[in-house]
């Protein structure tokens, strides 16, 4: 009994002066209601802000100059649809700095574009799907991915924008080795520019080069054309810098920056006039200039492109070609520029050609026991030199690699091929 009395005495001292239990519950309810109202107001303001940003995208796309007058304007992108090829001739969109903090995830709500009056491609242009008794589906693919032209990840700040990216008007047939590797790398590289330059926005126009007599997906219901090449042009209007890309619809044999070209070159290949509302002098300057270092930081850090293959002598290959000989057991000559070198903890000498770690595409190593066969310090002797190495190309954790044992297996290119 004593303990119960003491408990109630303590409880009474904890209650706020002038408040009994019933008014306290009312205060809690009132605060919870206020919090709920704030949450609802926050959601309304976020929706309003999203709408305003989408309107600004439309305004800015028109202001910079679209590559044609006959186009469809969606909330987050503009496009010109080619009925003959059942895909867009071009899709223009803007990558906002908001993607840095964007958290909207993939929707995968692939669907026809309601604004294309003639109709667009459909799911049955890319594969057939058969429902199974257990609720799963069996797929019969036609050999091509539904490749995004304007990538969904560029819109992860907005549910509305990201959902629009799944219109079939924004799709084109791409081989899996291209879509999931080279094309995806390009998209990531462009987004990486935003992360390195906070607050900037990029104007991007993308499409396949739609030529006459392109092959089509034969099993598809609409006969969608299969582009042999895809293009992308990118502009940072604030910094007055831009870049273009022309890429074959296949597994890319060379590093990504190899496919970078001037915007002028893309215009020549497509017949489009990009960013036409820029002042003439500005447009001429940025569209004729190719500045890879701005878009590929690794280039400014010392990486170089593989040597132009046709310039090499018979039986000599560049670092990109070397991968095809990996594991074959053939002795070949691989030529490139030594861009980095180091001794491992075990004393072996490692050289990277054309691309530095962690982007290396070809390596050479000399065991510690064999270093006595070289009358110089190989770490310094070959650095920044174009060298041809002779040996068998091995697979070292996915990187084509040659091991050399003697000085005669390495030759400076200036000494002859």
Protein backbone atom coordinates (compact mmCIF):
# COMPACT_ATOMS: atom_id res chain seq x y z
CA UNK A 1 0.00 0.00 0.00
CA UNK A 2 2.82 2.39 0.92
CA UNK A 3 4.52 1.87 -2.45
CA UNK A 4 1.27 2.55 -4.38
CA UNK A 5 0.71 5.84 -2.54
CA UNK A 6 4.31 6.87 -3.22
CA UNK A 7 3.90 6.09 -6.94
CA UNK A 8 0.89 8.38 -7.35
CA UNK A 9 2.60 11.15 -5.39
CA UNK A 10 5.59 11.01 -7.79
CA UNK A 11 3.31 10.86 -10.86
CA UNK A 12 1.50 13.94 -9.66
CA UNK A 13 4.73 15.91 -9.43
CA UNK A 14 5.59 15.03 -13.04
CA UNK A 15 2.40 16.50 -14.53
CA UNK A 16 2.69 20.10 -15.74
CA UNK A 17 1.26 22.62 -13.33
CA UNK A 18 -2.32 23.45 -14.23
CA UNK A 19 -2.74 20.43 -16.56
CA UNK A 20 -4.61 17.31 -15.63
CA UNK A 21 -4.55 14.12 -17.76
CA UNK A 22 -7.41 15.06 -20.09
CA UNK A 23 -6.10 18.50 -21.22
CA UNK A 24 -2.64 16.93 -21.72
CA UNK A 25 -4.07 14.45 -24.20
CA UNK A 26 -5.73 17.32 -26.03
CA UNK A 27 -2.40 19.12 -26.32
CA UNK A 28 -0.80 15.99 -27.78
CA UNK A 29 -3.61 15.65 -30.32
CA UNK A 30 -3.27 19.30 -31.30
CA UNK A 31 0.49 19.03 -31.92
CA UNK A 32 0.06 15.81 -33.91
CA UNK A 33 -2.58 17.50 -36.08
CA UNK A 34 -0.29 20.44 -36.70
CA UNK A 35 2.51 18.09 -37.75
CA UNK A 36 0.18 16.31 -40.16
CA UNK A 37 -0.88 19.63 -41.67
CA UNK A 38 2.77 20.60 -42.12
CA UNK A 39 3.46 17.31 -43.89
CA UNK A 40 0.52 17.86 -46.23
CA UNK A 41 1.64 21.43 -46.89
CA UNK A 42 5.17 20.16 -47.61
CA UNK A 43 3.83 17.66 -50.15
CA UNK A 44 1.78 20.40 -51.85
CA UNK A 45 4.82 22.68 -52.03
CA UNK A 46 7.02 19.90 -53.41
CA UNK A 47 4.46 19.14 -56.11
CA UNK A 48 4.24 22.83 -56.94
CA UNK A 49 8.04 23.11 -57.10
CA UNK A 50 8.27 20.05 -59.35
CA UNK A 51 5.72 21.58 -61.71
CA UNK A 52 7.63 24.86 -61.84
CA UNK A 53 10.91 23.09 -62.63
CA UNK A 54 9.25 21.07 -65.39
CA UNK A 55 7.89 24.31 -66.87
CA UNK A 56 11.36 25.81 -66.72
CA UNK A 57 12.79 22.80 -68.58
CA UNK A 58 10.31 23.35 -71.41
CA UNK A 59 11.15 27.05 -71.52
CA UNK A 60 14.91 26.45 -71.52
CA UNK A 61 14.75 23.75 -74.21
CA UNK A 62 12.93 26.12 -76.53
CA UNK A 63 15.24 28.99 -75.62
CA UNK A 64 18.46 27.11 -76.46
CA UNK A 65 17.11 25.97 -79.83
CA UNK A 66 15.69 22.54 -80.69
CA UNK A 67 16.91 20.70 -83.83
CA UNK A 68 13.60 21.06 -85.64
CA UNK A 69 10.24 22.83 -85.56
CA UNK A 70 8.01 19.76 -85.77
CA UNK A 71 8.28 18.20 -82.33
CA UNK A 72 6.34 16.96 -79.31
CA UNK A 73 6.89 18.70 -75.99
CA UNK A 74 6.43 16.52 -72.96
CA UNK A 75 6.78 17.88 -69.46
CA UNK A 76 10.46 16.92 -69.15
CA UNK A 77 11.64 16.36 -72.72
CA UNK A 78 10.99 17.20 -76.35
CA UNK A 79 11.22 14.79 -79.26
CA UNK A 80 10.66 14.44 -82.99
CA UNK A 81 9.16 11.07 -83.87
CA UNK A 82 10.07 9.30 -87.09
CA UNK A 83 7.13 7.21 -88.24
CA UNK A 84 9.27 5.55 -90.91
CA UNK A 85 11.64 4.17 -88.27
CA UNK A 86 9.20 3.89 -85.31
CA UNK A 87 11.48 5.80 -82.95
CA UNK A 88 12.53 9.34 -82.24
CA UNK A 89 14.90 11.07 -84.63
CA UNK A 90 15.99 13.07 -81.61
CA UNK A 91 15.11 13.49 -77.94
CA UNK A 92 16.13 16.65 -76.10
CA UNK A 93 16.20 16.93 -72.34
CA UNK A 94 17.97 18.79 -69.54
CA UNK A 95 19.94 17.24 -66.70
CA UNK A 96 19.28 19.37 -63.65
CA UNK A 97 21.64 19.67 -60.67
CA UNK A 98 18.79 18.12 -58.67
CA UNK A 99 19.95 14.64 -59.75
CA UNK A 100 22.74 14.86 -57.15
CA UNK A 101 20.17 14.43 -54.36
CA UNK A 102 17.46 12.72 -56.42
CA UNK A 103 16.02 9.56 -54.92
CA UNK A 104 13.25 8.55 -57.33
CA UNK A 105 13.81 4.95 -58.47
CA UNK A 106 13.10 3.20 -61.78
CA UNK A 107 9.43 2.78 -62.64
CA UNK A 108 9.77 0.43 -65.64
CA UNK A 109 6.33 1.55 -66.79
CA UNK A 110 7.11 1.11 -70.50
CA UNK A 111 4.15 2.32 -72.55
CA UNK A 112 3.09 3.97 -75.79
CA UNK A 113 3.52 7.71 -76.10
CA UNK A 114 0.01 9.22 -76.03
CA UNK A 115 1.17 12.39 -77.83
CA UNK A 116 2.38 10.57 -80.95
CA UNK A 117 -0.82 10.54 -83.01
CA UNK A 118 0.38 7.92 -85.47
CA UNK A 119 1.23 5.52 -82.66
CA UNK A 120 4.60 4.38 -81.41
CA UNK A 121 6.45 1.13 -81.02
CA UNK A 122 5.08 -1.26 -78.41
CA UNK A 123 6.34 -4.06 -76.19
CA UNK A 124 5.72 -6.65 -78.94
CA UNK A 125 8.31 -4.87 -81.08
CA UNK A 126 11.03 -6.01 -78.69
CA UNK A 127 9.83 -9.30 -77.18
CA UNK A 128 6.86 -11.53 -76.47
CA UNK A 129 5.70 -12.26 -72.92
CA UNK A 130 3.73 -15.34 -71.93
CA UNK A 131 2.08 -15.51 -68.47
CA UNK A 132 2.74 -18.73 -66.58
CA UNK A 133 0.47 -20.64 -64.21
CA UNK A 134 2.61 -19.69 -61.20
CA UNK A 135 2.19 -15.99 -61.90
CA UNK A 136 5.61 -15.52 -63.51
CA UNK A 137 6.20 -14.71 -67.19
CA UNK A 138 8.22 -16.39 -69.90
CA UNK A 139 9.96 -14.07 -72.35
CA UNK A 140 10.82 -14.55 -76.01
CA UNK A 141 13.27 -11.77 -76.87
CA UNK A 142 14.10 -10.50 -80.35
CA UNK A 143 17.75 -9.82 -79.59
CA UNK A 144 17.63 -6.10 -78.75
CA UNK A 145 17.28 -4.03 -75.59
CA UNK A 146 14.84 -1.17 -75.29
CA UNK A 147 17.60 1.41 -75.15
CA UNK A 148 16.70 4.73 -73.54
CA UNK A 149 17.62 7.79 -75.56
CA UNK A 150 17.06 10.17 -72.65
CA UNK A 151 18.16 7.96 -69.73
CA UNK A 152 15.79 7.46 -66.83
CA UNK A 153 18.54 8.17 -64.28
CA UNK A 154 18.76 11.74 -65.60
CA UNK A 155 15.25 12.31 -64.20
CA UNK A 156 15.55 10.73 -60.77
CA UNK A 157 14.62 14.03 -59.14
CA UNK A 158 11.03 13.85 -60.46
CA UNK A 159 8.49 11.01 -60.55
CA UNK A 160 6.72 12.70 -63.46
CA UNK A 161 9.87 13.17 -65.52
CA UNK A 162 11.24 9.71 -64.80
CA UNK A 163 7.95 8.07 -65.77
CA UNK A 164 7.92 9.94 -69.09
CA UNK A 165 11.32 8.45 -69.93
CA UNK A 166 9.62 5.06 -70.34
CA UNK A 167 7.54 6.11 -73.35
CA UNK A 168 8.36 3.90 -76.32
CA UNK A 169 9.04 7.08 -78.26
CA UNK A 170 12.16 7.36 -76.09
CA UNK A 171 13.35 3.83 -76.96
CA UNK A 172 15.54 2.49 -79.75
CA UNK A 173 16.85 -1.03 -80.42
CA UNK A 174 20.31 -1.50 -78.94
CA UNK A 175 22.42 -4.61 -78.65
CA UNK A 176 22.79 -5.65 -75.02
CA UNK A 177 26.61 -5.38 -75.12
CA UNK A 178 26.22 -1.77 -76.23
CA UNK A 179 23.25 -0.66 -74.14
CA UNK A 180 24.40 -2.13 -70.85
CA UNK A 181 28.09 -1.28 -71.11
CA UNK A 182 29.29 1.43 -73.52
CA UNK A 183 26.05 3.42 -73.71
CA UNK A 184 25.51 3.15 -69.95
CA UNK A 185 29.10 4.32 -69.36
CA UNK A 186 28.49 7.35 -71.55
CA UNK A 187 25.32 8.26 -69.63
CA UNK A 188 27.14 7.91 -66.31
CA UNK A 189 30.07 9.99 -67.55
CA UNK A 190 27.77 12.84 -68.52
CA UNK A 191 26.00 12.75 -65.16
CA UNK A 192 29.41 12.74 -63.52
CA UNK A 193 29.98 16.20 -65.00
CA UNK A 194 27.11 17.50 -62.85
CA UNK A 195 28.66 16.05 -59.71
CA UNK A 196 31.97 17.74 -60.53
CA UNK A 197 30.26 21.04 -61.35
CA UNK A 198 27.51 21.56 -58.74
CA UNK A 199 24.71 23.89 -59.76
CA UNK A 200 25.16 23.42 -63.52
CA UNK A 201 22.55 22.07 -65.90
CA UNK A 202 23.25 20.25 -69.15
CA UNK A 203 21.34 20.32 -72.41
CA UNK A 204 21.39 16.92 -74.11
CA UNK A 205 20.10 15.73 -77.49
CA UNK A 206 20.21 12.03 -78.37
CA UNK A 207 19.13 9.69 -81.15
CA UNK A 208 20.06 7.00 -83.58
CA UNK A 209 21.33 7.96 -87.03
CA UNK A 210 18.24 7.09 -89.05
CA UNK A 211 19.43 6.26 -92.54
CA UNK A 212 17.60 4.68 -95.42
CA UNK A 213 17.59 0.88 -95.70
CA UNK A 214 18.34 0.24 -92.04
CA UNK A 215 17.65 -3.32 -90.88
CA UNK A 216 14.52 -3.77 -88.80
CA UNK A 217 13.41 -6.07 -86.00
CA UNK A 218 11.72 -8.60 -88.24
CA UNK A 219 9.65 -10.30 -85.56
CA UNK A 220 8.33 -7.04 -84.15
CA UNK A 221 4.82 -5.91 -85.06
CA UNK A 222 5.92 -2.50 -86.38
CA UNK A 223 9.30 -3.26 -87.96
CA UNK A 224 11.36 -0.90 -85.79
CA UNK A 225 14.59 0.22 -87.49
CA UNK A 226 17.90 -0.79 -85.91
CA UNK A 227 20.35 2.13 -86.00
CA UNK A 228 23.94 1.28 -86.84
CA UNK A 229 25.14 4.34 -84.95
CA UNK A 230 23.87 6.48 -82.08
CA UNK A 231 24.74 10.07 -81.32
CA UNK A 232 24.60 12.37 -78.32
CA UNK A 233 25.44 16.05 -78.01
CA UNK A 234 25.86 17.81 -74.66
CA UNK A 235 26.03 21.50 -73.79
CA UNK A 236 26.92 23.41 -70.64
CA UNK A 237 25.58 26.81 -71.69
CA UNK A 238 26.91 28.58 -68.61
CA UNK A 239 30.49 27.44 -69.23
CA UNK A 240 30.03 27.64 -73.01
CA UNK A 241 31.43 24.17 -73.55
CA UNK A 242 30.01 21.17 -75.34
CA UNK A 243 30.86 17.78 -76.77
CA UNK A 244 29.45 15.22 -79.18
CA UNK A 245 29.57 11.43 -79.47
CA UNK A 246 29.15 9.01 -82.35
CA UNK A 247 29.03 5.39 -81.26
CA UNK A 248 28.42 2.13 -83.15
CA UNK A 249 25.57 -0.08 -81.95
CA UNK A 250 27.92 -2.86 -80.80
CA UNK A 251 30.28 -3.79 -78.00
CA UNK A 252 32.73 -0.89 -77.86
CA UNK A 253 36.29 -1.91 -78.58
CA UNK A 254 37.88 1.36 -77.47
CA UNK A 255 37.73 3.62 -74.40
CA UNK A 256 34.73 5.92 -74.24
CA UNK A 257 36.57 9.15 -75.04
CA UNK A 258 37.66 7.65 -78.36
CA UNK A 259 34.12 8.18 -79.62
CA UNK A 260 34.01 11.85 -78.64
CA UNK A 261 33.73 14.28 -81.58
CA UNK A 262 32.83 17.90 -82.12
CA UNK A 263 29.16 18.87 -82.20
CA UNK A 264 29.83 20.05 -85.74
CA UNK A 265 30.68 16.46 -86.70
CA UNK A 266 27.41 15.16 -85.25
CA UNK A 267 25.54 17.85 -87.17
CA UNK A 268 27.30 16.72 -90.34
CA UNK A 269 26.27 13.09 -89.76
CA UNK A 270 22.66 13.82 -88.76
CA UNK A 271 21.77 16.95 -90.72
CA UNK A 272 20.45 18.62 -87.52
CA UNK A 273 21.30 22.07 -86.23
CA UNK A 274 21.71 21.80 -82.47
CA UNK A 275 21.42 24.71 -80.02
CA UNK A 276 20.55 27.05 -82.87
CA UNK A 277 19.43 29.95 -80.66
CA UNK A 278 22.87 30.51 -79.20
CA UNK A 279 24.66 33.65 -80.41
CA UNK A 280 26.35 32.76 -83.71
CA UNK A 281 29.90 33.33 -82.49
CA UNK A 282 29.31 31.28 -79.34
CA UNK A 283 27.68 28.47 -81.29
CA UNK A 284 30.46 28.34 -83.87
CA UNK A 285 33.16 28.27 -81.21
CA UNK A 286 31.78 25.61 -78.90
CA UNK A 287 30.46 23.36 -81.68
CA UNK A 288 33.81 23.30 -83.49
CA UNK A 289 35.97 22.69 -80.41
CA UNK A 290 36.72 19.27 -78.97
CA UNK A 291 37.89 19.53 -75.36
CA UNK A 292 37.98 16.00 -73.96
CA UNK A 293 39.73 16.99 -70.76
CA UNK A 294 36.68 18.92 -69.55
CA UNK A 295 34.46 15.86 -69.83
CA UNK A 296 37.00 13.13 -69.03
CA UNK A 297 39.09 14.05 -65.98
CA UNK A 298 41.27 10.97 -66.51
CA UNK A 299 42.48 12.46 -69.80
CA UNK A 300 43.78 15.55 -68.03
CA UNK A 301 45.45 13.22 -65.51
CA UNK A 302 47.62 11.70 -68.24
CA UNK A 303 45.54 9.03 -70.00
CA UNK A 304 45.77 8.82 -73.79
CA UNK A 305 43.81 7.10 -76.53
CA UNK A 306 45.03 3.80 -78.01
CA UNK A 307 47.28 4.21 -81.03
CA UNK A 308 45.40 4.37 -84.34
CA UNK A 309 45.42 0.72 -85.39
CA UNK A 310 45.97 1.22 -89.16
CA UNK A 311 49.16 3.14 -88.39
CA UNK A 312 50.78 0.05 -86.82
CA UNK A 313 52.86 -2.46 -88.73
CA UNK A 314 51.55 -5.91 -89.57
CA UNK A 315 51.45 -8.15 -86.52
CA UNK A 316 51.27 -5.17 -84.17
CA UNK A 317 48.14 -4.27 -82.19
CA UNK A 318 46.99 -1.43 -79.99
CA UNK A 319 45.90 -1.83 -76.38
CA UNK A 320 42.20 -2.04 -77.25
CA UNK A 321 42.78 -4.83 -79.77
CA UNK A 322 44.90 -6.81 -77.32
CA UNK A 323 41.87 -8.08 -75.40
CA UNK A 324 40.83 -10.22 -78.38
CA UNK A 325 44.06 -12.22 -77.95
CA UNK A 326 43.68 -12.72 -74.22
CA UNK A 327 43.97 -16.41 -73.40
CA UNK A 328 44.68 -17.53 -76.98
CA UNK A 329 48.32 -18.42 -76.31
CA UNK A 330 49.48 -16.42 -79.33
CA UNK A 331 52.62 -14.30 -79.11
CA UNK A 332 51.86 -10.81 -80.41
CA UNK A 333 53.18 -7.24 -80.27
CA UNK A 334 51.09 -4.75 -78.30
CA UNK A 335 51.92 -1.05 -78.63
CA UNK A 336 50.88 1.91 -76.51
CA UNK A 337 52.06 4.73 -74.31
CA UNK A 338 53.26 3.89 -70.81
CA UNK A 339 51.22 6.29 -68.67
CA UNK A 340 52.01 4.85 -65.23
CA UNK A 341 54.49 2.48 -63.62
CA UNK A 342 55.09 1.14 -60.13
CA UNK A 343 56.82 -1.56 -58.14
CA UNK A 344 54.54 -3.91 -56.22
CA UNK A 345 55.19 -4.90 -52.61
CA UNK A 346 56.76 -8.10 -53.84
CA UNK A 347 59.16 -6.12 -56.07
CA UNK A 348 57.56 -6.83 -59.46
CA UNK A 349 57.39 -3.94 -61.93
CA UNK A 350 53.97 -3.07 -63.35
CA UNK A 351 53.32 -0.79 -66.33
CA UNK A 352 49.96 0.48 -67.55
CA UNK A 353 49.60 1.47 -71.20
CA UNK A 354 47.29 4.28 -72.37
CA UNK A 355 45.03 4.17 -69.26
CA UNK A 356 46.02 4.46 -65.62
CA UNK A 357 44.64 2.47 -62.72
CA UNK A 358 41.74 1.93 -62.01
CA UNK A 359 40.77 2.41 -65.68
CA UNK A 360 43.63 0.35 -67.08
CA UNK A 361 42.99 -1.47 -70.35
CA UNK A 362 46.39 -3.15 -70.80
CA UNK A 363 49.26 -3.91 -68.45
CA UNK A 364 52.81 -5.24 -68.62
CA UNK A 365 54.71 -6.74 -65.71
CA UNK A 366 58.25 -7.91 -65.04
CA UNK A 367 58.97 -10.27 -62.19
CA UNK A 368 61.49 -9.13 -59.60
CA UNK A 369 63.76 -12.03 -60.55
CA UNK A 370 63.85 -10.86 -64.20
CA UNK A 371 64.64 -7.19 -63.54
CA UNK A 372 68.37 -8.00 -63.75
CA UNK A 373 67.86 -8.59 -67.49
CA UNK A 374 67.11 -4.89 -68.00
CA UNK A 375 70.11 -2.50 -67.84
CA UNK A 376 67.93 0.42 -66.70
CA UNK A 377 65.17 1.28 -64.26
CA UNK A 378 62.04 0.28 -66.19
CA UNK A 379 59.79 2.33 -63.91
CA UNK A 380 61.34 5.52 -65.32
CA UNK A 381 62.85 4.38 -68.62
CA UNK A 382 59.56 3.75 -70.47
CA UNK A 383 57.31 6.28 -68.70
CA UNK A 384 55.48 8.55 -71.18
CA UNK A 385 57.07 6.66 -74.09
CA UNK A 386 55.29 4.75 -76.85
CA UNK A 387 56.50 1.17 -76.54
CA UNK A 388 55.76 -2.15 -78.23
CA UNK A 389 55.85 -5.21 -75.96
CA UNK A 390 56.09 -8.77 -77.25
CA UNK A 391 54.52 -11.71 -75.46
CA UNK A 392 51.46 -13.84 -74.73
CA UNK A 393 48.39 -11.89 -73.57
CA UNK A 394 47.14 -13.25 -70.24
CA UNK A 395 43.98 -12.51 -68.28
CA UNK A 396 44.93 -10.76 -65.04
CA UNK A 397 41.68 -10.05 -63.19
CA UNK A 398 40.01 -9.08 -66.47
CA UNK A 399 42.87 -6.90 -67.74
CA UNK A 400 44.88 -8.07 -70.79
CA UNK A 401 48.47 -8.40 -69.57
CA UNK A 402 51.84 -9.40 -71.03
CA UNK A 403 54.75 -10.61 -68.91
CA UNK A 404 58.19 -9.84 -70.33
CA UNK A 405 61.49 -11.33 -69.19
CA UNK A 406 64.13 -9.73 -71.42
CA UNK A 407 65.02 -6.30 -72.75
CA UNK A 408 64.50 -7.55 -76.34
CA UNK A 409 60.76 -8.01 -75.64
CA UNK A 410 60.25 -4.24 -75.31
CA UNK A 411 61.02 -1.72 -78.04
CA UNK A 412 60.49 2.03 -78.22
CA UNK A 413 58.36 2.85 -81.23
CA UNK A 414 60.74 5.58 -82.32
CA UNK A 415 63.31 2.82 -82.82
CA UNK A 416 61.13 1.22 -85.48
CA UNK A 417 58.31 -1.32 -85.49
